Structures are given as C-alpha cells and as structure tokens.
N, C-alpha and C. Protein backbone atom coordinates (compact mmCIF):
# COMPACT_ATOMS: atom_id res chain seq x y z
N ILE A 1 111.28 37.67 68.14
CA ILE A 1 110.87 36.34 67.94
C ILE A 1 109.58 36.59 66.97
N ILE A 2 108.81 37.54 67.45
CA ILE A 2 107.67 37.75 66.58
C ILE A 2 107.71 38.75 65.34
N ALA A 3 108.98 39.02 65.13
CA ALA A 3 109.24 40.14 63.86
C ALA A 3 108.52 39.74 62.66
N PRO A 4 108.68 38.34 62.40
CA PRO A 4 107.88 37.91 61.19
C PRO A 4 106.37 38.36 61.09
N LEU A 5 105.80 38.34 62.17
CA LEU A 5 104.33 38.67 62.31
C LEU A 5 104.10 40.04 61.80
N ARG A 6 105.02 40.90 62.23
CA ARG A 6 104.79 42.21 61.84
C ARG A 6 105.18 42.94 60.51
N ARG A 7 106.02 41.79 59.80
CA ARG A 7 106.46 42.20 58.59
C ARG A 7 105.43 42.18 57.52
N GLU A 8 105.33 43.08 56.60
CA GLU A 8 104.29 43.23 55.59
C GLU A 8 104.84 42.64 54.27
N ALA A 9 106.08 42.96 54.17
CA ALA A 9 106.83 42.49 52.91
C ALA A 9 107.90 41.35 53.13
N GLY A 10 108.19 40.57 52.24
CA GLY A 10 109.08 39.67 52.59
C GLY A 10 108.95 38.19 51.98
N TYR A 11 109.49 37.27 52.45
CA TYR A 11 109.29 35.83 51.83
C TYR A 11 108.57 35.10 52.77
N VAL A 12 107.59 34.32 52.09
CA VAL A 12 106.61 33.18 52.90
C VAL A 12 107.51 32.03 52.95
N PRO A 13 107.66 31.28 54.24
CA PRO A 13 108.32 30.19 54.63
C PRO A 13 108.15 29.17 53.53
N ALA A 14 107.08 28.88 52.95
CA ALA A 14 106.92 27.79 52.04
C ALA A 14 107.91 27.97 50.75
N TRP A 15 107.89 29.27 50.36
CA TRP A 15 108.91 29.51 49.16
C TRP A 15 110.33 29.28 49.46
N VAL A 16 110.72 29.67 50.64
CA VAL A 16 112.20 29.56 50.91
C VAL A 16 112.44 27.94 51.08
N THR A 17 111.48 27.42 51.80
CA THR A 17 111.51 26.05 51.98
C THR A 17 111.76 25.11 50.57
N GLN A 18 110.88 25.59 49.62
CA GLN A 18 110.89 24.89 48.38
C GLN A 18 112.20 25.25 47.76
N THR A 19 112.69 26.39 47.80
CA THR A 19 113.98 26.84 47.16
C THR A 19 114.99 26.03 47.85
N LEU A 20 115.07 25.92 49.19
CA LEU A 20 116.12 25.07 49.84
C LEU A 20 116.11 23.74 49.37
N GLN A 21 114.87 23.12 49.33
CA GLN A 21 114.76 21.83 48.81
C GLN A 21 115.40 21.53 47.41
N GLY A 22 115.05 22.48 46.65
CA GLY A 22 115.71 22.49 45.18
C GLY A 22 117.21 22.50 45.15
N ILE A 23 117.80 23.20 46.09
CA ILE A 23 119.41 23.21 46.21
C ILE A 23 119.72 21.98 46.80
N MET A 24 119.37 21.40 47.97
CA MET A 24 119.88 20.25 48.56
C MET A 24 119.33 18.64 48.09
N ILE A 25 118.23 18.65 47.29
CA ILE A 25 117.68 17.34 46.94
C ILE A 25 118.59 16.79 45.81
N PRO A 26 119.08 17.38 44.73
CA PRO A 26 119.70 16.83 43.72
C PRO A 26 120.93 15.88 44.29
N ASN A 27 121.10 14.71 43.61
CA ASN A 27 121.81 13.74 43.92
C ASN A 27 123.37 14.19 44.04
N PHE A 28 123.84 15.03 43.27
CA PHE A 28 125.19 15.62 43.47
C PHE A 28 125.49 16.31 44.76
N VAL A 29 124.41 16.56 45.52
CA VAL A 29 124.70 17.32 46.87
C VAL A 29 124.37 16.43 47.91
N LEU A 30 123.17 15.61 47.88
CA LEU A 30 122.55 14.88 48.95
C LEU A 30 123.26 13.44 48.91
N TYR A 31 123.44 12.74 47.85
CA TYR A 31 123.96 11.31 48.00
C TYR A 31 125.42 11.15 47.46
N ILE A 32 125.60 11.55 46.27
CA ILE A 32 126.88 11.38 45.56
C ILE A 32 127.45 12.69 45.50
N LYS A 33 128.45 13.09 46.35
CA LYS A 33 129.01 14.33 46.54
C LYS A 33 130.23 14.62 45.60
N LYS A 34 130.40 15.85 45.24
CA LYS A 34 131.75 16.47 44.49
C LYS A 34 131.82 17.83 45.02
N ALA A 35 133.01 18.24 45.28
CA ALA A 35 133.43 19.71 45.85
C ALA A 35 132.69 20.83 45.13
N PRO A 36 132.85 20.96 43.78
CA PRO A 36 132.32 21.97 43.16
C PRO A 36 130.73 22.10 43.19
N MET A 37 129.99 21.02 43.20
CA MET A 37 128.61 21.05 43.29
C MET A 37 128.18 21.52 44.73
N MET A 38 128.93 21.04 45.70
CA MET A 38 128.73 21.27 47.04
C MET A 38 128.98 22.69 47.40
N GLN A 39 129.89 23.29 46.85
CA GLN A 39 130.46 24.75 46.78
C GLN A 39 129.42 25.63 46.25
N ALA A 40 128.81 25.22 45.13
CA ALA A 40 127.82 25.95 44.53
C ALA A 40 126.56 26.02 45.45
N ALA A 41 126.09 24.78 46.00
CA ALA A 41 125.02 24.73 46.74
C ALA A 41 125.09 25.63 48.04
N LEU A 42 126.23 25.35 48.50
CA LEU A 42 126.68 26.32 49.85
C LEU A 42 126.28 27.82 49.64
N ALA A 43 127.01 28.18 48.44
CA ALA A 43 126.69 29.53 48.02
C ALA A 43 125.22 30.06 48.04
N TYR A 44 124.42 29.18 47.36
CA TYR A 44 123.00 29.30 47.45
C TYR A 44 122.33 29.29 48.84
N ILE A 45 122.76 28.54 49.75
CA ILE A 45 122.49 28.26 50.94
C ILE A 45 122.91 29.71 51.88
N GLU A 46 124.07 30.23 51.45
CA GLU A 46 124.45 31.30 52.27
C GLU A 46 123.44 32.54 51.95
N GLU A 47 123.19 32.48 50.51
CA GLU A 47 122.27 33.69 49.92
C GLU A 47 120.92 33.47 50.71
N LEU A 48 120.45 32.47 50.89
CA LEU A 48 119.18 32.23 51.66
C LEU A 48 119.17 32.66 53.03
N ARG A 49 120.40 32.24 53.71
CA ARG A 49 120.74 32.59 55.06
C ARG A 49 120.85 34.07 55.26
N ASP A 50 121.46 34.73 54.45
CA ASP A 50 121.85 36.20 54.52
C ASP A 50 120.92 37.13 53.92
N HIS A 51 120.06 36.76 52.99
CA HIS A 51 119.13 37.65 52.48
C HIS A 51 117.62 37.12 52.24
N HIS A 52 117.33 36.12 52.46
CA HIS A 52 115.94 35.68 52.54
C HIS A 52 115.48 35.36 54.09
N ALA A 53 116.12 34.61 54.75
CA ALA A 53 115.78 34.15 56.26
C ALA A 53 115.57 35.48 57.16
N PRO A 54 116.29 36.67 56.90
CA PRO A 54 115.93 37.76 57.70
C PRO A 54 114.67 38.35 57.34
N LEU A 55 114.18 38.08 56.09
CA LEU A 55 112.94 38.65 55.68
C LEU A 55 111.83 37.89 55.42
N LEU A 56 111.76 36.73 56.13
CA LEU A 56 110.83 35.79 56.39
C LEU A 56 109.50 36.45 57.03
N ARG A 57 108.19 36.37 56.39
CA ARG A 57 107.17 36.84 57.03
C ARG A 57 106.15 35.86 57.31
N ALA A 58 105.36 36.33 58.39
CA ALA A 58 104.19 35.37 58.66
C ALA A 58 103.00 36.14 58.99
N ALA A 59 101.87 35.41 58.45
CA ALA A 59 100.47 36.00 58.61
C ALA A 59 99.79 35.48 59.78
N ASN A 60 100.34 34.55 60.57
CA ASN A 60 99.75 34.03 61.65
C ASN A 60 100.71 33.11 62.28
N MET A 61 100.24 32.58 63.49
CA MET A 61 101.35 31.85 64.47
C MET A 61 101.70 30.66 63.93
N HIS A 62 100.86 29.96 63.00
CA HIS A 62 101.27 28.71 62.19
C HIS A 62 102.56 29.14 61.33
N GLU A 63 102.42 30.22 60.73
CA GLU A 63 103.34 30.53 59.57
C GLU A 63 104.63 30.93 60.42
N LEU A 64 104.47 31.45 61.56
CA LEU A 64 105.68 31.98 62.52
C LEU A 64 106.40 30.66 62.70
N ARG A 65 105.74 29.55 63.16
CA ARG A 65 106.36 28.45 63.34
C ARG A 65 107.25 27.90 62.22
N LEU A 66 106.48 27.98 61.04
CA LEU A 66 107.19 27.56 59.66
C LEU A 66 108.39 28.26 59.44
N ALA A 67 108.33 29.70 59.86
CA ALA A 67 109.51 30.57 59.56
C ALA A 67 110.67 30.13 60.33
N PHE A 68 110.41 29.75 61.62
CA PHE A 68 111.51 29.36 62.52
C PHE A 68 111.91 27.89 61.90
N GLU A 69 111.04 27.06 61.53
CA GLU A 69 111.61 25.70 61.18
C GLU A 69 112.38 26.05 59.87
N THR A 70 111.95 26.90 59.06
CA THR A 70 112.78 27.19 57.71
C THR A 70 114.26 27.72 57.98
N ARG A 71 114.32 28.46 58.96
CA ARG A 71 115.43 29.11 59.45
C ARG A 71 116.43 27.84 59.99
N ASN A 72 115.94 27.04 60.73
CA ASN A 72 116.53 25.78 61.18
C ASN A 72 116.97 25.01 59.96
N MET A 73 116.22 24.76 59.03
CA MET A 73 116.47 23.81 57.98
C MET A 73 117.61 24.31 57.11
N ILE A 74 117.69 25.80 57.01
CA ILE A 74 118.72 26.56 56.26
C ILE A 74 120.18 26.28 57.06
N LEU A 75 120.05 26.36 58.41
CA LEU A 75 121.20 26.14 59.45
C LEU A 75 121.63 24.74 59.11
N SER A 76 120.85 23.92 59.21
CA SER A 76 121.03 22.30 59.08
C SER A 76 121.73 22.06 57.61
N ALA A 77 121.21 22.61 56.54
CA ALA A 77 121.69 22.42 55.27
C ALA A 77 123.32 23.02 55.21
N GLU A 78 123.44 24.13 55.85
CA GLU A 78 124.84 24.58 55.95
C GLU A 78 125.82 23.85 56.51
N MET A 79 125.35 23.31 57.75
CA MET A 79 126.13 22.34 58.55
C MET A 79 126.55 21.01 57.71
N LYS A 80 125.46 20.67 57.08
CA LYS A 80 125.76 19.38 56.11
C LYS A 80 126.84 19.52 55.03
N LEU A 81 126.46 20.80 54.57
CA LEU A 81 127.47 21.14 53.29
C LEU A 81 128.94 21.27 53.75
N ARG A 82 129.11 22.14 54.91
CA ARG A 82 130.35 22.40 55.47
C ARG A 82 131.07 21.12 55.87
N ALA A 83 130.32 20.23 56.37
CA ALA A 83 131.02 19.10 57.02
C ALA A 83 131.29 18.17 56.03
N SER A 84 130.53 17.99 54.93
CA SER A 84 130.89 17.32 53.83
C SER A 84 131.89 17.68 52.90
N LEU A 85 132.02 19.01 52.91
CA LEU A 85 133.25 19.55 52.16
C LEU A 85 134.62 19.09 52.93
N MET A 86 134.49 19.37 54.37
CA MET A 86 135.62 19.20 55.02
C MET A 86 136.11 17.70 55.05
N ARG A 87 135.25 16.82 55.13
CA ARG A 87 135.63 15.31 55.09
C ARG A 87 136.04 14.99 53.78
N THR A 88 137.34 14.80 53.32
CA THR A 88 137.83 14.51 52.14
C THR A 88 138.05 13.12 51.99
N GLU A 89 137.06 12.23 51.99
CA GLU A 89 137.12 10.68 51.88
C GLU A 89 135.52 10.31 51.74
N SER A 90 135.44 8.95 51.52
CA SER A 90 133.99 8.36 51.40
C SER A 90 133.99 7.60 52.59
N ARG A 91 132.77 7.70 53.29
CA ARG A 91 132.73 6.83 54.55
C ARG A 91 131.26 6.69 54.85
N CYS A 92 130.94 5.32 54.75
CA CYS A 92 129.47 4.93 55.03
C CYS A 92 128.68 5.82 54.04
N SER A 93 127.49 6.34 54.51
CA SER A 93 126.47 7.03 53.53
C SER A 93 127.14 8.37 52.75
N HIS A 94 128.36 8.74 53.34
CA HIS A 94 128.91 9.99 52.82
C HIS A 94 129.90 9.41 51.67
N PHE A 95 129.42 9.53 50.57
CA PHE A 95 130.28 9.25 49.33
C PHE A 95 130.59 10.39 48.39
N ARG A 96 131.90 10.56 48.36
CA ARG A 96 132.43 11.59 47.30
C ARG A 96 132.95 11.17 46.13
N LEU A 97 132.56 11.61 45.03
CA LEU A 97 133.10 11.22 43.68
C LEU A 97 134.68 11.51 43.60
N ASP A 98 134.95 12.77 44.19
CA ASP A 98 136.34 13.33 44.00
C ASP A 98 137.27 12.64 45.32
N TYR A 99 136.70 11.92 46.05
CA TYR A 99 137.39 11.27 46.98
C TYR A 99 136.65 10.02 47.32
N PRO A 100 136.84 9.00 46.55
CA PRO A 100 136.04 7.78 46.68
C PRO A 100 136.51 6.60 47.70
N ASP A 101 137.75 6.80 48.25
CA ASP A 101 138.32 5.91 49.28
C ASP A 101 138.08 6.22 50.70
N LEU A 102 138.02 5.26 51.32
CA LEU A 102 138.03 5.27 53.00
C LEU A 102 139.48 5.84 53.30
N ASP A 103 139.67 6.72 54.14
CA ASP A 103 140.99 7.25 54.75
C ASP A 103 141.00 7.22 56.08
N ASP A 104 141.19 6.09 56.74
CA ASP A 104 141.40 6.03 58.09
C ASP A 104 142.59 6.68 58.70
N GLU A 105 143.44 6.82 57.82
CA GLU A 105 144.77 7.36 58.49
C GLU A 105 144.38 9.09 59.00
N ASN A 106 143.71 9.72 58.04
CA ASN A 106 143.45 11.02 58.19
C ASN A 106 141.97 11.32 58.78
N TRP A 107 140.95 10.36 58.46
CA TRP A 107 139.68 10.48 58.74
C TRP A 107 138.95 9.67 59.75
N ARG A 108 139.50 9.19 60.36
CA ARG A 108 139.04 8.15 61.39
C ARG A 108 138.69 9.16 62.56
N ALA A 109 137.59 10.06 62.34
CA ALA A 109 137.26 11.44 63.06
C ALA A 109 135.99 11.67 63.11
N TRP A 110 135.49 12.39 64.04
CA TRP A 110 134.17 13.22 64.12
C TRP A 110 134.54 14.38 63.57
N ILE A 111 133.30 15.17 63.08
CA ILE A 111 133.57 16.48 62.91
C ILE A 111 132.61 17.31 63.80
N ASN A 112 133.15 17.82 64.64
CA ASN A 112 132.21 18.71 65.48
C ASN A 112 131.96 20.05 64.92
N ILE A 113 130.77 20.57 65.24
CA ILE A 113 130.25 21.77 64.71
C ILE A 113 129.87 22.63 65.84
N TYR A 114 130.42 23.93 66.06
CA TYR A 114 130.00 24.81 67.03
C TYR A 114 129.91 26.26 66.56
N GLN A 115 129.39 26.97 67.39
CA GLN A 115 129.19 28.32 67.17
C GLN A 115 130.41 29.20 68.10
N ASP A 116 131.33 30.03 67.26
CA ASP A 116 132.12 30.63 68.15
C ASP A 116 131.69 31.85 68.87
N ALA A 117 132.57 32.66 69.64
CA ALA A 117 132.08 33.75 70.46
C ALA A 117 131.59 34.96 69.54
N ASP A 118 131.98 34.91 68.35
CA ASP A 118 131.45 35.87 67.19
C ASP A 118 130.22 35.50 66.51
N GLY A 119 129.52 34.24 66.94
CA GLY A 119 128.37 33.94 66.37
C GLY A 119 128.60 33.02 64.98
N LYS A 120 129.91 32.86 64.61
CA LYS A 120 130.21 32.18 63.36
C LYS A 120 130.27 30.63 63.48
N MET A 121 130.15 29.84 62.48
CA MET A 121 129.96 28.30 62.54
C MET A 121 131.43 28.05 62.35
N GLN A 122 132.06 27.15 63.45
CA GLN A 122 133.22 26.62 63.27
C GLN A 122 133.28 24.92 63.16
N LEU A 123 134.07 24.36 62.49
CA LEU A 123 134.04 23.05 62.28
C LEU A 123 135.50 22.54 62.78
N GLU A 124 135.43 21.38 63.43
CA GLU A 124 136.86 21.08 64.02
C GLU A 124 136.83 19.50 63.86
N LYS A 125 138.01 18.96 63.49
CA LYS A 125 138.12 17.34 63.44
C LYS A 125 138.57 16.82 64.81
N GLN A 126 137.92 15.59 65.24
CA GLN A 126 138.25 15.12 66.61
C GLN A 126 138.40 13.71 66.28
N ALA A 127 139.58 13.11 66.53
CA ALA A 127 139.91 11.72 66.44
C ALA A 127 138.82 10.90 67.12
N PHE A 128 138.47 9.63 66.71
CA PHE A 128 137.57 8.79 67.27
C PHE A 128 138.16 8.46 68.59
N ASP A 129 139.46 8.10 68.70
CA ASP A 129 139.96 7.62 70.12
C ASP A 129 140.17 8.86 71.09
N ALA A 130 139.71 10.13 70.75
CA ALA A 130 139.66 11.30 71.76
C ALA A 130 138.67 10.82 72.71
N TRP A 131 137.81 10.12 72.40
CA TRP A 131 136.71 9.76 73.43
C TRP A 131 137.08 8.73 74.32
N PRO A 132 137.16 8.67 75.90
CA PRO A 132 137.27 7.56 76.41
C PRO A 132 136.43 6.43 76.23
N THR A 133 137.00 4.93 76.29
CA THR A 133 136.10 3.89 76.10
C THR A 133 135.79 3.41 77.22
C-alpha cells in the first residue's frame, strides 16, 4: 500500500491523470463513440495500467491518496471503454456512430463487469428481465 512513498523514480499522479484525461475527454470516446477510436483509447489505457500505474510515486500521504485515485480512474476508464465497445447499439447517453440505432432485440440488457479468479476483467450481458420485478 505504501510502496509509492518508497519509490524515488516513477510517475507523479498528476501527470498520469492528465494523460488519462487527454485520452478519455475527446468527444469520439466520451460522447459520440466509434469502435476504432475507442479501441485506440483502450490501448492507451492498457499502457497506463500496465506500465505507468505500477510506477506511480508519492512524496507524501496526500500524493499517496492521489496515486490510488489515479489507479481507480484508470480502472474506471477501462471498464467504460470495454462496456462501450461491447454494447453494439445506441441507448440513452451511449451513442455510437457505427451503431446509431436502438436494438431492443439484442441489447435490452445490462452489462455486468467483474473480476474473475485470475484477476482479469470480465464483462457479461444480462437481460433486463433476468431481475425479478
């Protein structure tokens, strides 16, 4: 938990957060989605997750908190992108240029995200009517 405090070299949380914002904020990722752009953004997010987040450093307890917040933001961005890529339709605030129509036949469903036994992110579709009313 305190490893970033002991690290002398690495990345400050502010730099990683700014990089993450630069990846996620463009309209083609956040608001008007298209698969190639989301896949490119996901590749950058995976780079941050695998090569930058493990090297976050903190000079004090405040920066340690920021380091953990930054890791959580990277995880949230990855979940958002993977779920957005999985949902091949447009619904409510999720608008895809490559799938502009509502598709109740295939996508009247939730996307559940969980971590499997190996620690890998998994996504599954669950029909709305699978929940008792």
